[in-house]
């Protein structure tokens, strides 16, 4: 069991700065909440708003990829 709970450089990347961390955090929370709201609306048989939320999450993911590539 020795070494079972160790972290190495592959797990935590020290090259990520604090602003990058917060941008990633905000976008992950935004995309995750939009996807979950979209799925919830689909289960509630409200297809128009469900599709809107899923579409907004796709747009947010595209903006996230664009912003991350700027760094």
Protein backbone atom coordinates (compact mmCIF):
# COMPACT_ATOMS: atom_id res chain seq x y z
CA UNK A 1 0.00 0.00 0.00
CA UNK A 2 3.01 2.26 0.01
CA UNK A 3 2.66 4.94 -2.65
CA UNK A 4 -1.05 4.41 -3.07
CA UNK A 5 -1.94 8.00 -2.17
CA UNK A 6 0.85 9.94 -3.81
CA UNK A 7 0.50 12.73 -6.34
CA UNK A 8 3.00 13.38 -9.06
CA UNK A 9 3.50 16.08 -11.67
CA UNK A 10 1.20 14.32 -14.14
CA UNK A 11 -1.78 14.90 -11.84
CA UNK A 12 -1.16 18.51 -10.80
CA UNK A 13 0.32 20.76 -13.48
CA UNK A 14 2.28 23.60 -11.85
CA UNK A 15 2.31 25.60 -15.09
CA UNK A 16 -1.39 26.54 -14.74
CA UNK A 17 -1.67 30.07 -13.38
CA UNK A 18 -4.41 31.29 -11.09
CA UNK A 19 -6.37 33.17 -13.81
CA UNK A 20 -6.27 30.09 -16.03
CA UNK A 21 -7.54 27.98 -13.15
CA UNK A 22 -10.48 30.31 -12.53
CA UNK A 23 -11.36 30.49 -16.24
CA UNK A 24 -11.36 26.70 -16.45
CA UNK A 25 -13.41 26.47 -13.26
CA UNK A 26 -16.04 28.94 -14.46
CA UNK A 27 -16.41 27.32 -17.86
CA UNK A 28 -16.64 23.78 -16.44
CA UNK A 29 -19.35 24.91 -14.02
CA UNK A 30 -21.18 26.80 -16.79
CA UNK A 31 -21.08 23.96 -19.31
CA UNK A 32 -22.01 21.34 -16.73
CA UNK A 33 -24.96 23.31 -15.42
CA UNK A 34 -26.28 24.05 -18.92
CA UNK A 35 -26.06 20.39 -19.92
CA UNK A 36 -27.81 19.25 -16.74
CA UNK A 37 -30.55 21.86 -17.17
CA UNK A 38 -31.01 20.76 -20.78
CA UNK A 39 -31.35 17.12 -19.77
CA UNK A 40 -33.78 18.10 -17.02
CA UNK A 41 -35.93 20.04 -19.49
CA UNK A 42 -35.95 17.06 -21.86
CA UNK A 43 -37.22 14.83 -19.05
CA UNK A 44 -39.90 17.42 -18.30
CA UNK A 45 -41.00 17.16 -21.96
CA UNK A 46 -40.03 20.76 -22.65
CA UNK A 47 -38.03 20.13 -25.81
CA UNK A 48 -37.59 23.75 -26.91
CA UNK A 49 -35.86 24.95 -23.75
CA UNK A 50 -33.94 21.66 -23.47
CA UNK A 51 -32.57 22.13 -26.96
CA UNK A 52 -31.75 25.75 -26.12
CA UNK A 53 -29.77 24.75 -23.02
CA UNK A 54 -27.89 22.00 -24.88
CA UNK A 55 -27.13 24.46 -27.69
CA UNK A 56 -25.90 27.06 -25.21
CA UNK A 57 -23.63 24.47 -23.63
CA UNK A 58 -22.17 23.67 -27.07
CA UNK A 59 -21.58 27.38 -27.71
CA UNK A 60 -19.99 27.72 -24.26
CA UNK A 61 -17.71 24.76 -25.00
CA UNK A 62 -16.63 26.38 -28.28
CA UNK A 63 -15.93 29.68 -26.50
CA UNK A 64 -14.02 27.77 -23.82
CA UNK A 65 -11.81 26.10 -26.44
CA UNK A 66 -11.19 29.50 -28.07
CA UNK A 67 -10.29 31.15 -24.75
CA UNK A 68 -8.00 28.31 -23.68
CA UNK A 69 -6.16 28.48 -27.01
CA UNK A 70 -5.42 32.16 -26.32
CA UNK A 71 -3.20 31.13 -23.40
